[in-house]
N, C-alpha and C. Protein backbone atom coordinates (compact mmCIF):
# COMPACT_ATOMS: atom_id res chain seq x y z
N MET A 1 7.10 -22.07 16.31
CA MET A 1 6.18 -20.97 16.08
C MET A 1 5.27 -22.52 14.70
N SER A 2 3.89 -21.90 14.89
CA SER A 2 2.87 -23.03 14.06
C SER A 2 3.06 -22.32 13.12
N LYS A 3 2.88 -23.02 11.45
CA LYS A 3 2.92 -22.78 10.15
C LYS A 3 1.86 -21.51 9.95
N GLY A 4 0.80 -21.13 10.25
CA GLY A 4 0.24 -19.86 10.58
C GLY A 4 1.04 -19.06 10.68
N LYS A 5 1.82 -18.78 11.78
CA LYS A 5 2.38 -17.77 12.34
C LYS A 5 3.74 -17.30 11.18
N ASN A 6 4.26 -18.49 10.82
CA ASN A 6 5.36 -18.39 9.94
C ASN A 6 4.71 -17.87 8.73
N LEU A 7 4.09 -18.15 8.25
CA LEU A 7 3.26 -17.36 7.14
C LEU A 7 2.89 -15.77 7.04
N MET A 8 2.18 -15.57 7.93
CA MET A 8 1.90 -14.12 8.88
C MET A 8 3.20 -13.37 8.71
N LEU A 9 4.48 -14.34 8.92
CA LEU A 9 5.45 -13.48 9.26
C LEU A 9 5.81 -12.65 7.89
N CYS A 10 5.96 -13.95 6.78
CA CYS A 10 6.49 -13.65 6.01
C CYS A 10 5.56 -12.96 4.77
N ALA A 11 4.51 -13.21 5.17
CA ALA A 11 3.02 -12.09 4.59
C ALA A 11 3.90 -10.72 5.06
N GLY A 12 3.94 -10.32 6.28
CA GLY A 12 4.41 -9.34 6.70
C GLY A 12 5.53 -8.27 5.92
N ILE A 13 6.55 -9.64 5.72
CA ILE A 13 7.99 -9.25 5.31
C ILE A 13 7.67 -8.52 3.62
N ILE A 14 6.83 -9.64 3.13
CA ILE A 14 6.78 -9.03 1.99
C ILE A 14 5.89 -7.98 1.39
N THR A 15 4.78 -7.71 2.49
CA THR A 15 4.21 -6.29 2.34
C THR A 15 4.82 -5.17 2.59
N LEU A 16 5.99 -5.28 3.85
CA LEU A 16 6.80 -4.47 3.82
C LEU A 16 7.60 -4.40 2.74
N ILE A 17 8.14 -4.88 1.92
CA ILE A 17 9.01 -4.93 0.79
C ILE A 17 8.14 -3.93 -0.30
N ALA A 18 6.96 -4.59 -0.30
CA ALA A 18 6.14 -3.88 -1.47
C ALA A 18 5.78 -2.52 -1.15
N THR A 19 5.48 -1.87 0.33
CA THR A 19 4.93 -1.31 0.48
C THR A 19 6.40 0.07 0.26
N PHE A 20 7.45 -0.25 0.92
CA PHE A 20 8.73 0.60 0.97
C PHE A 20 9.65 0.61 -0.09
N ALA A 21 9.61 -0.92 -0.77
CA ALA A 21 10.88 -0.60 -1.85
C ALA A 21 10.48 -1.02 -3.29
N LEU A 22 9.15 -1.01 -3.29
CA LEU A 22 8.63 -1.24 -4.88
C LEU A 22 7.47 -0.26 -5.11
N SER A 23 7.51 0.15 -6.29
CA SER A 23 6.23 0.72 -6.83
C SER A 23 5.66 0.01 -6.89
N TRP A 24 4.21 1.21 -6.70
CA TRP A 24 3.15 0.29 -6.73
C TRP A 24 2.55 0.59 -8.63
N PHE A 25 2.31 2.09 -8.90
CA PHE A 25 2.12 2.28 -10.25
C PHE A 25 3.04 3.94 -10.12
N THR A 26 3.11 4.06 -11.63
CA THR A 26 3.62 5.39 -11.94
C THR A 26 2.54 6.74 -12.76
N ILE A 27 2.76 7.71 -12.72
CA ILE A 27 1.98 8.65 -12.88
C ILE A 27 2.61 9.60 -13.32
N GLY A 28 1.97 10.54 -14.32
CA GLY A 28 2.58 11.36 -15.18
C GLY A 28 3.08 11.44 -16.44
N ILE A 29 3.22 12.49 -16.96
CA ILE A 29 3.21 12.59 -18.80
C ILE A 29 4.73 13.25 -18.69
N HIS A 30 5.34 14.52 -18.08
CA HIS A 30 6.84 15.03 -18.01
C HIS A 30 7.70 14.48 -17.08
N GLN A 31 7.20 14.29 -15.85
CA GLN A 31 7.59 14.32 -14.86
C GLN A 31 7.08 12.76 -14.23
N ILE A 32 8.15 11.75 -14.12
CA ILE A 32 7.25 10.36 -13.42
C ILE A 32 7.33 10.47 -12.09
N PHE A 33 6.13 10.24 -11.42
CA PHE A 33 5.89 9.95 -9.94
C PHE A 33 5.73 8.86 -9.74
N TYR A 34 6.58 8.00 -8.54
CA TYR A 34 5.99 6.68 -8.40
C TYR A 34 5.44 6.69 -7.18
N VAL A 35 4.19 5.93 -7.17
CA VAL A 35 3.52 5.72 -5.82
C VAL A 35 3.86 4.60 -5.44
N TYR A 36 4.25 4.91 -4.04
CA TYR A 36 4.81 3.62 -2.92
C TYR A 36 5.20 4.54 -1.77
N GLY A 37 5.24 3.50 -0.57
CA GLY A 37 5.12 4.23 0.91
C GLY A 37 5.83 5.24 1.69
N ILE A 38 6.98 4.83 0.44
CA ILE A 38 8.22 6.28 1.05
C ILE A 38 7.38 7.67 0.57
N GLY A 39 6.71 7.65 -0.96
CA GLY A 39 6.00 8.49 -1.26
C GLY A 39 4.69 9.07 -0.13
N GLY A 40 4.10 8.43 0.63
CA GLY A 40 3.15 8.50 1.34
C GLY A 40 3.85 9.13 2.91
N LEU A 41 4.83 8.32 3.31
CA LEU A 41 6.24 9.00 4.24
C LEU A 41 5.95 10.62 4.24
N LYS A 42 6.87 10.54 2.62
CA LYS A 42 7.24 11.91 2.45
C LYS A 42 6.33 13.21 2.48
N ASN A 43 4.78 12.78 2.21
CA ASN A 43 3.81 13.30 1.83
C ASN A 43 2.90 13.61 3.23
N PHE A 44 3.26 12.74 4.17
CA PHE A 44 2.24 12.78 5.21
C PHE A 44 2.21 14.09 6.07
N LEU A 45 3.26 14.71 6.65
CA LEU A 45 3.61 16.16 6.72
C LEU A 45 3.07 16.97 6.11
N ASP A 46 3.47 16.94 4.97
CA ASP A 46 2.44 17.93 3.88
C ASP A 46 0.86 18.14 3.71
N LEU A 47 0.35 16.86 4.28
CA LEU A 47 -1.23 16.69 4.00
C LEU A 47 -1.40 17.29 5.69
N PHE A 48 -1.09 17.80 6.60
CA PHE A 48 -1.11 18.24 7.43
C PHE A 48 -1.06 19.69 7.72
N VAL A 49 0.40 19.99 6.98
CA VAL A 49 0.53 21.52 6.63
C VAL A 49 -0.85 22.34 5.57
N HIS A 50 -0.41 21.46 4.72
CA HIS A 50 -1.33 22.18 3.66
C HIS A 50 -2.59 21.41 3.56
N THR A 51 -3.44 21.42 4.64
CA THR A 51 -4.91 20.70 4.77
C THR A 51 -5.86 20.95 3.49
N GLN A 52 -5.65 22.62 3.57
CA GLN A 52 -6.88 22.96 2.63
C GLN A 52 -6.41 22.91 1.52
N ASN A 53 -5.31 22.89 0.69
CA ASN A 53 -5.12 22.42 -0.45
C ASN A 53 -5.62 21.36 -0.97
N TYR A 54 -5.21 20.45 -0.23
CA TYR A 54 -5.60 18.79 -0.57
C TYR A 54 -7.10 18.72 -0.21
N ALA A 55 -7.51 19.00 0.40
CA ALA A 55 -8.98 19.46 0.64
C ALA A 55 -9.74 20.12 -0.69
N ASP A 56 -9.06 20.94 -1.30
CA ASP A 56 -9.77 21.56 -2.80
C ASP A 56 -9.38 20.64 -3.73
N TYR A 57 -8.24 20.27 -3.82
CA TYR A 57 -7.71 19.00 -4.77
C TYR A 57 -8.83 17.76 -4.57
N TYR A 58 -8.63 17.10 -3.76
CA TYR A 58 -9.40 16.04 -4.19
C TYR A 58 -11.17 16.47 -3.65
N GLU A 59 -11.35 17.92 -3.49
CA GLU A 59 -13.11 18.42 -3.17
C GLU A 59 -13.59 17.37 -2.10
N LEU A 60 -13.25 17.55 -0.96
CA LEU A 60 -13.59 17.12 0.14
C LEU A 60 -13.67 18.17 1.02
N PRO A 61 -13.92 18.13 2.19
CA PRO A 61 -14.17 18.50 3.58
C PRO A 61 -13.16 18.33 4.17
N LEU A 62 -12.58 19.15 5.33
CA LEU A 62 -11.19 19.25 5.89
C LEU A 62 -11.27 18.25 6.74
N TRP A 63 -12.56 17.70 7.40
CA TRP A 63 -12.26 16.30 7.96
C TRP A 63 -11.82 15.02 7.62
N ALA A 64 -12.51 14.98 6.14
CA ALA A 64 -12.57 13.91 5.16
C ALA A 64 -10.53 13.70 5.26
N ILE A 65 -10.00 14.77 5.01
CA ILE A 65 -8.74 14.83 5.12
C ILE A 65 -7.95 14.25 6.24
N TYR A 66 -8.66 14.55 7.50
CA TYR A 66 -7.85 13.78 8.42
C TYR A 66 -8.16 12.41 8.48
N ILE A 67 -9.10 12.12 7.73
CA ILE A 67 -9.67 10.04 7.79
C ILE A 67 -8.30 9.90 6.73
N LEU A 68 -8.36 10.62 5.80
CA LEU A 68 -7.41 9.96 4.33
C LEU A 68 -6.26 9.80 5.45
N ALA A 69 -5.70 10.79 6.38
CA ALA A 69 -4.38 10.88 6.80
C ALA A 69 -4.19 9.48 7.85
N ALA A 70 -4.97 9.40 8.56
CA ALA A 70 -5.48 7.98 9.53
C ALA A 70 -5.58 6.69 8.28
N ILE A 71 -5.98 6.82 7.33
CA ILE A 71 -5.66 5.29 6.54
C ILE A 71 -4.50 5.49 5.64
N LEU A 72 -3.50 6.33 5.46
CA LEU A 72 -2.10 6.53 5.19
C LEU A 72 -1.52 5.71 6.20
N ILE A 73 -1.67 6.10 7.42
CA ILE A 73 -0.97 5.41 8.52
C ILE A 73 -1.20 3.82 8.72
N ILE A 74 -2.43 3.85 8.12
CA ILE A 74 -3.22 2.30 8.62
C ILE A 74 -2.28 1.67 7.25
N ILE A 75 -2.24 1.77 6.42
CA ILE A 75 -1.47 1.70 5.03
C ILE A 75 -0.23 1.12 5.26
N LEU A 76 0.36 2.30 5.42
CA LEU A 76 2.00 2.08 5.82
C LEU A 76 2.44 1.14 7.03
N ILE A 77 1.33 1.13 7.93
CA ILE A 77 1.95 0.04 9.10
C ILE A 77 1.08 -1.53 8.91
N SER A 78 1.11 -1.37 7.97
CA SER A 78 0.09 -2.87 7.68
C SER A 78 1.12 -3.89 7.69
N GLY A 79 2.06 -3.80 6.99
CA GLY A 79 3.41 -4.80 7.16
C GLY A 79 3.98 -5.37 8.66
N ALA A 80 3.82 -4.03 9.39
CA ALA A 80 4.32 -4.36 10.63
C ALA A 80 2.69 -4.76 11.19
N LEU A 81 1.70 -4.73 11.10
CA LEU A 81 0.65 -5.47 11.70
C LEU A 81 0.74 -6.77 11.61
N GLN A 82 1.19 -7.25 10.44
CA GLN A 82 1.13 -8.71 10.01
C GLN A 82 2.23 -9.21 10.72
N CYS A 83 3.41 -8.94 10.75
CA CYS A 83 4.25 -9.22 11.56
C CYS A 83 3.82 -9.29 12.87
N TYR A 84 3.40 -8.57 13.30
CA TYR A 84 2.90 -8.46 14.69
C TYR A 84 2.14 -10.00 14.89
N SER A 85 1.62 -10.38 13.97
CA SER A 85 0.39 -11.15 14.01
C SER A 85 1.22 -12.60 15.05
N ILE A 86 2.19 -12.45 14.67
CA ILE A 86 2.94 -13.78 16.08
C ILE A 86 1.97 -13.77 17.17
N LYS A 87 1.69 -12.84 17.84
CA LYS A 87 1.30 -12.49 19.21
C LYS A 87 -0.12 -12.62 19.24
N LYS A 88 -0.86 -11.60 18.32
CA LYS A 88 -2.31 -11.68 18.10
C LYS A 88 -2.47 -11.73 16.58
N PRO A 89 -3.19 -12.89 16.16
CA PRO A 89 -3.63 -13.27 14.40
C PRO A 89 -4.51 -12.50 14.32
N VAL A 90 -5.21 -11.96 15.36
CA VAL A 90 -6.75 -11.03 14.48
C VAL A 90 -6.11 -9.36 13.81
N VAL A 91 -4.91 -9.17 14.38
CA VAL A 91 -4.15 -7.96 13.86
C VAL A 91 -3.69 -7.84 12.68
N GLY A 92 -3.18 -9.31 12.43
CA GLY A 92 -2.12 -9.47 11.24
C GLY A 92 -3.63 -9.64 9.93
N LEU A 93 -4.84 -10.02 10.45
CA LEU A 93 -5.68 -10.05 9.50
C LEU A 93 -6.26 -8.49 9.04
N ILE A 94 -5.97 -8.04 10.06
CA ILE A 94 -6.16 -6.01 9.52
C ILE A 94 -5.21 -6.06 8.65
N GLY A 95 -4.09 -6.48 9.19
CA GLY A 95 -3.07 -5.98 8.19
C GLY A 95 -2.86 -6.63 6.57
N SER A 96 -3.55 -7.67 6.57
CA SER A 96 -3.20 -8.54 5.17
C SER A 96 -4.50 -8.18 4.60
N ILE A 97 -5.70 -7.42 5.07
CA ILE A 97 -6.84 -6.80 4.28
C ILE A 97 -6.51 -5.79 3.49
N ILE A 98 -5.43 -4.61 4.31
CA ILE A 98 -5.21 -3.30 3.35
C ILE A 98 -4.50 -3.41 2.69
N PRO A 99 -3.26 -4.14 1.93
CA PRO A 99 -2.85 -4.31 0.88
C PRO A 99 -3.55 -4.76 0.25
N LEU A 100 -4.52 -6.23 0.26
CA LEU A 100 -5.32 -6.69 -0.40
C LEU A 100 -6.25 -5.42 -1.06
N LEU A 101 -6.97 -4.77 0.24
CA LEU A 101 -7.40 -4.18 -1.41
C LEU A 101 -6.93 -3.10 -1.82
N ILE A 102 -5.75 -2.46 -1.52
CA ILE A 102 -4.92 -1.69 -2.49
C ILE A 102 -4.61 -2.34 -3.29
N GLY A 103 -4.02 -3.45 -3.57
CA GLY A 103 -3.65 -4.14 -4.92
C GLY A 103 -4.80 -4.58 -6.06
N ILE A 104 -5.68 -4.51 -4.96
CA ILE A 104 -7.61 -4.85 -6.04
C ILE A 104 -7.64 -3.79 -6.83
N ILE A 105 -7.68 -2.40 -5.78
CA ILE A 105 -8.39 -1.35 -6.69
C ILE A 105 -7.20 -0.91 -7.19
N ILE A 106 -6.01 -0.89 -7.56
CA ILE A 106 -4.92 -0.83 -8.45
C ILE A 106 -5.18 -2.08 -10.02
N LEU A 107 -4.99 -2.44 -9.71
CA LEU A 107 -5.85 -3.79 -10.35
C LEU A 107 -7.25 -3.71 -11.18
N LEU A 108 -8.25 -3.33 -10.71
CA LEU A 108 -9.33 -2.60 -11.16
C LEU A 108 -9.77 -1.73 -12.29
N ASN A 109 -8.82 -0.48 -11.70
CA ASN A 109 -8.41 0.19 -12.54
C ASN A 109 -7.29 -0.04 -13.40
N ALA A 110 -6.97 -0.42 -13.49
CA ALA A 110 -5.61 -0.98 -14.63
C ALA A 110 -6.41 -1.99 -15.77
N PHE A 111 -6.95 -3.02 -14.84
CA PHE A 111 -7.61 -3.76 -16.30
C PHE A 111 -8.81 -3.53 -16.50
N PHE A 112 -10.14 -2.94 -15.80
CA PHE A 112 -10.83 -1.86 -16.57
C PHE A 112 -11.65 -1.27 -16.15
N GLY A 113 -10.33 -0.04 -15.74
CA GLY A 113 -10.72 1.53 -15.68
C GLY A 113 -11.56 1.93 -14.76
N ILE A 114 -11.77 0.61 -13.94
CA ILE A 114 -13.20 1.32 -12.37
C ILE A 114 -11.87 1.96 -11.26
N LEU A 115 -13.08 2.59 -10.85
CA LEU A 115 -12.55 3.51 -9.22
C LEU A 115 -11.81 4.14 -10.14
N PRO A 116 -11.67 5.01 -10.64
CA PRO A 116 -10.03 5.69 -11.06
C PRO A 116 -10.23 6.91 -10.02
N GLU A 117 -11.49 7.33 -9.21
CA GLU A 117 -11.52 8.60 -8.24
C GLU A 117 -10.57 7.80 -6.57
N LEU A 118 -10.83 6.33 -6.86
CA LEU A 118 -9.83 5.61 -5.17
C LEU A 118 -8.43 5.95 -5.93
N ILE A 119 -8.39 5.99 -7.24
CA ILE A 119 -6.50 5.72 -7.41
C ILE A 119 -6.22 7.36 -7.41
N LYS A 120 -7.30 8.22 -7.36
CA LYS A 120 -6.31 9.80 -7.34
C LYS A 120 -6.51 9.74 -5.68
N TYR A 121 -7.14 9.37 -5.21
CA TYR A 121 -6.31 9.16 -3.39
C TYR A 121 -5.27 8.73 -3.18
N LEU A 122 -4.84 7.40 -4.01
CA LEU A 122 -3.45 6.80 -3.71
C LEU A 122 -2.58 7.73 -4.55
N GLU A 123 -2.83 8.91 -4.87
CA GLU A 123 -1.87 10.24 -5.49
C GLU A 123 -1.16 10.64 -3.99
N ILE A 124 -1.72 10.52 -3.15
CA ILE A 124 -0.86 11.12 -1.67
C ILE A 124 0.58 10.09 -1.88
N PHE A 125 0.40 9.01 -2.23
CA PHE A 125 1.99 7.99 -2.20
C PHE A 125 2.36 8.52 -3.25
N ALA A 126 2.31 9.66 -4.10
CA ALA A 126 3.07 9.77 -5.17
C ALA A 126 4.45 10.41 -4.67
N ASN A 127 5.04 10.06 -5.57
CA ASN A 127 6.67 11.14 -5.15
C ASN A 127 7.60 11.28 -6.39
N SER A 128 8.16 12.24 -7.01
CA SER A 128 9.22 11.92 -7.94
C SER A 128 10.34 11.28 -7.32
N SER A 129 10.66 11.51 -6.17
CA SER A 129 12.79 11.22 -6.35
C SER A 129 12.23 9.73 -5.76
N ARG A 130 13.42 9.35 -6.00
CA ARG A 130 13.65 7.90 -5.53
C ARG A 130 14.82 7.85 -4.31
N LEU A 131 14.76 7.11 -3.16
CA LEU A 131 14.82 7.01 -1.90
C LEU A 131 16.60 6.99 -2.21
N ILE A 132 16.61 5.64 -3.52
CA ILE A 132 18.24 5.25 -3.73
C ILE A 132 18.17 5.39 -5.25
N PRO A 133 19.03 6.49 -6.01
CA PRO A 133 18.45 6.61 -6.90
C PRO A 133 18.79 4.78 -8.38
N GLY A 134 17.56 5.40 -9.00
CA GLY A 134 17.91 3.75 -9.59
C GLY A 134 17.51 2.17 -8.93
N LEU A 135 17.51 2.74 -7.91
CA LEU A 135 17.31 1.15 -6.88
C LEU A 135 15.62 1.40 -5.99
N ILE A 136 15.57 2.22 -5.24
CA ILE A 136 14.28 2.26 -4.45
C ILE A 136 13.52 3.61 -4.80
N PRO A 137 12.29 3.23 -5.10
CA PRO A 137 12.07 2.23 -5.55
C PRO A 137 11.84 1.50 -6.97
N PHE A 138 11.88 0.41 -6.78
CA PHE A 138 12.27 -0.63 -7.55
C PHE A 138 11.02 -0.44 -8.95
N ASN A 139 10.84 -0.01 -9.72
CA ASN A 139 10.04 0.06 -10.65
C ASN A 139 10.15 -0.70 -11.56
N TYR A 140 9.15 -1.88 -11.81
CA TYR A 140 9.45 -2.65 -13.15
C TYR A 140 8.08 -2.63 -13.68
N VAL A 141 7.96 -1.60 -14.76
CA VAL A 141 6.24 -1.60 -15.30
C VAL A 141 6.26 -2.90 -16.38
N ILE A 142 5.03 -3.68 -16.15
CA ILE A 142 4.87 -4.64 -16.96
C ILE A 142 4.58 -4.31 -18.59
N PRO A 143 5.18 -4.74 -19.10
CA PRO A 143 4.97 -4.13 -21.01
C PRO A 143 3.01 -4.12 -20.97
N GLY A 144 3.10 -3.07 -21.43
CA GLY A 144 1.72 -2.43 -21.84
C GLY A 144 0.72 -2.72 -20.51
N ARG A 145 1.06 -2.58 -19.52
CA ARG A 145 0.73 -2.34 -18.74
C ARG A 145 0.60 -0.66 -17.67
N THR A 146 -0.26 -0.42 -16.84
CA THR A 146 -0.18 0.76 -16.19
C THR A 146 0.55 0.66 -14.72
N GLU A 147 0.07 -0.57 -14.02
CA GLU A 147 1.08 -1.43 -12.49
C GLU A 147 2.18 -1.68 -12.87
N SER A 148 2.67 -1.49 -11.65
CA SER A 148 3.78 -1.87 -11.38
C SER A 148 4.25 -3.14 -11.00
N ILE A 149 5.38 -4.27 -10.64
CA ILE A 149 5.22 -5.36 -10.29
C ILE A 149 5.02 -5.32 -8.43
N GLY A 150 5.05 -4.19 -7.75
CA GLY A 150 4.98 -3.95 -6.72
C GLY A 150 3.73 -4.06 -6.58
N THR A 151 2.73 -3.75 -7.33
CA THR A 151 1.20 -4.29 -6.85
C THR A 151 1.48 -5.53 -6.65
N TYR A 152 1.77 -6.70 -7.53
CA TYR A 152 1.34 -7.82 -7.53
C TYR A 152 2.29 -8.51 -6.21
N VAL A 153 3.31 -7.67 -5.66
CA VAL A 153 3.99 -8.29 -4.27
C VAL A 153 3.14 -7.69 -3.44
N LEU A 154 2.09 -6.62 -3.61
CA LEU A 154 1.72 -6.45 -1.98
C LEU A 154 0.35 -7.15 -2.11
N LEU A 155 -0.22 -7.74 -3.18
CA LEU A 155 -1.36 -8.62 -3.23
C LEU A 155 -0.81 -9.87 -2.72
N ALA A 156 0.13 -10.44 -2.99
CA ALA A 156 0.86 -11.38 -2.84
C ALA A 156 0.72 -11.70 -1.09
N GLY A 157 1.34 -10.59 -0.34
CA GLY A 157 1.63 -10.44 0.97
C GLY A 157 0.04 -10.29 1.26
N GLY A 158 -0.80 -10.02 1.20
CA GLY A 158 -2.14 -9.64 1.41
C GLY A 158 -3.11 -10.85 1.84
N VAL A 159 -2.72 -11.75 0.68
CA VAL A 159 -3.39 -13.36 0.34
C VAL A 159 -2.50 -13.98 1.50
N LEU A 160 -1.30 -14.08 1.30
CA LEU A 160 -0.42 -15.16 2.21
C LEU A 160 -0.94 -14.65 3.90
N GLY A 161 -0.73 -13.45 4.11
CA GLY A 161 -1.56 -13.00 5.16
C GLY A 161 -3.25 -13.46 5.76
N ILE A 162 -3.90 -13.62 5.15
CA ILE A 162 -5.11 -14.22 4.99
C ILE A 162 -4.90 -16.11 5.03
N ILE A 163 -4.03 -16.24 4.19
CA ILE A 163 -4.19 -17.83 4.50
C ILE A 163 -3.44 -18.25 5.68
N GLY A 164 -2.60 -17.71 6.19
CA GLY A 164 -1.87 -17.89 7.10
C GLY A 164 -2.69 -17.56 8.15
N TYR A 165 -3.44 -16.33 8.51
CA TYR A 165 -4.77 -15.90 9.51
C TYR A 165 -5.42 -17.56 9.82
N LYS A 166 -6.00 -17.80 8.82
CA LYS A 166 -6.70 -19.12 8.59
C LYS A 166 -6.39 -20.44 8.79
N ILE A 167 -4.69 -20.64 8.61
CA ILE A 167 -4.13 -21.61 9.27
C ILE A 167 -3.92 -21.36 10.97
N SER A 168 -3.69 -20.53 11.36
CA SER A 168 -2.92 -20.31 12.49
C SER A 168 -4.47 -20.24 13.52
N ARG A 169 -5.51 -19.43 12.76
CA ARG A 169 -6.96 -19.97 13.82
C ARG A 169 -7.34 -21.37 13.83
N ASP A 170 -7.34 -22.42 12.69
CA ASP A 170 -7.40 -23.58 13.06
C ASP A 170 -6.37 -24.49 13.35
N GLU A 171 -5.50 -23.71 14.00
CA GLU A 171 -4.13 -24.74 14.71
C GLU A 171 -4.90 -24.57 16.27
N PHE A 172 -5.61 -23.57 16.81
CA PHE A 172 -5.79 -23.42 18.16
C PHE A 172 -7.09 -24.19 18.60
């Protein structure tokens, strides 16, 4: 296997770990809600069952909630898309751009308070329960910051995937 494909595979594994095992950030005052991929999976069916409630909360039309559900699916499978890039590198590029954008949105909000409305949409990934209590999601909040270490790992997976795509494209 080429260097680019190896990087894409590593990026996919890193993105999967960041999506499903690490918390991106936490919200809440009285009860902590962890924002990570399992929260998105748990809320996915609820998104279809209580579509009108979500439409009212986000102040969006119903059709936009279905688009939000499609985006949720793409975010959840982005790591798998990066791993699949061994066969089709362009699929890995798509899978790399999504985690990169999510990480940038979180960091822009954390550092500059920009894009709070997009952070509101990421609340669809929030869940108060842990998959494995005390372990998953691993939530290490950087002192004095709102984002968790998972945001940086997610960014690393996206950047590594784009670098791997560039290298694999140059090898052909």
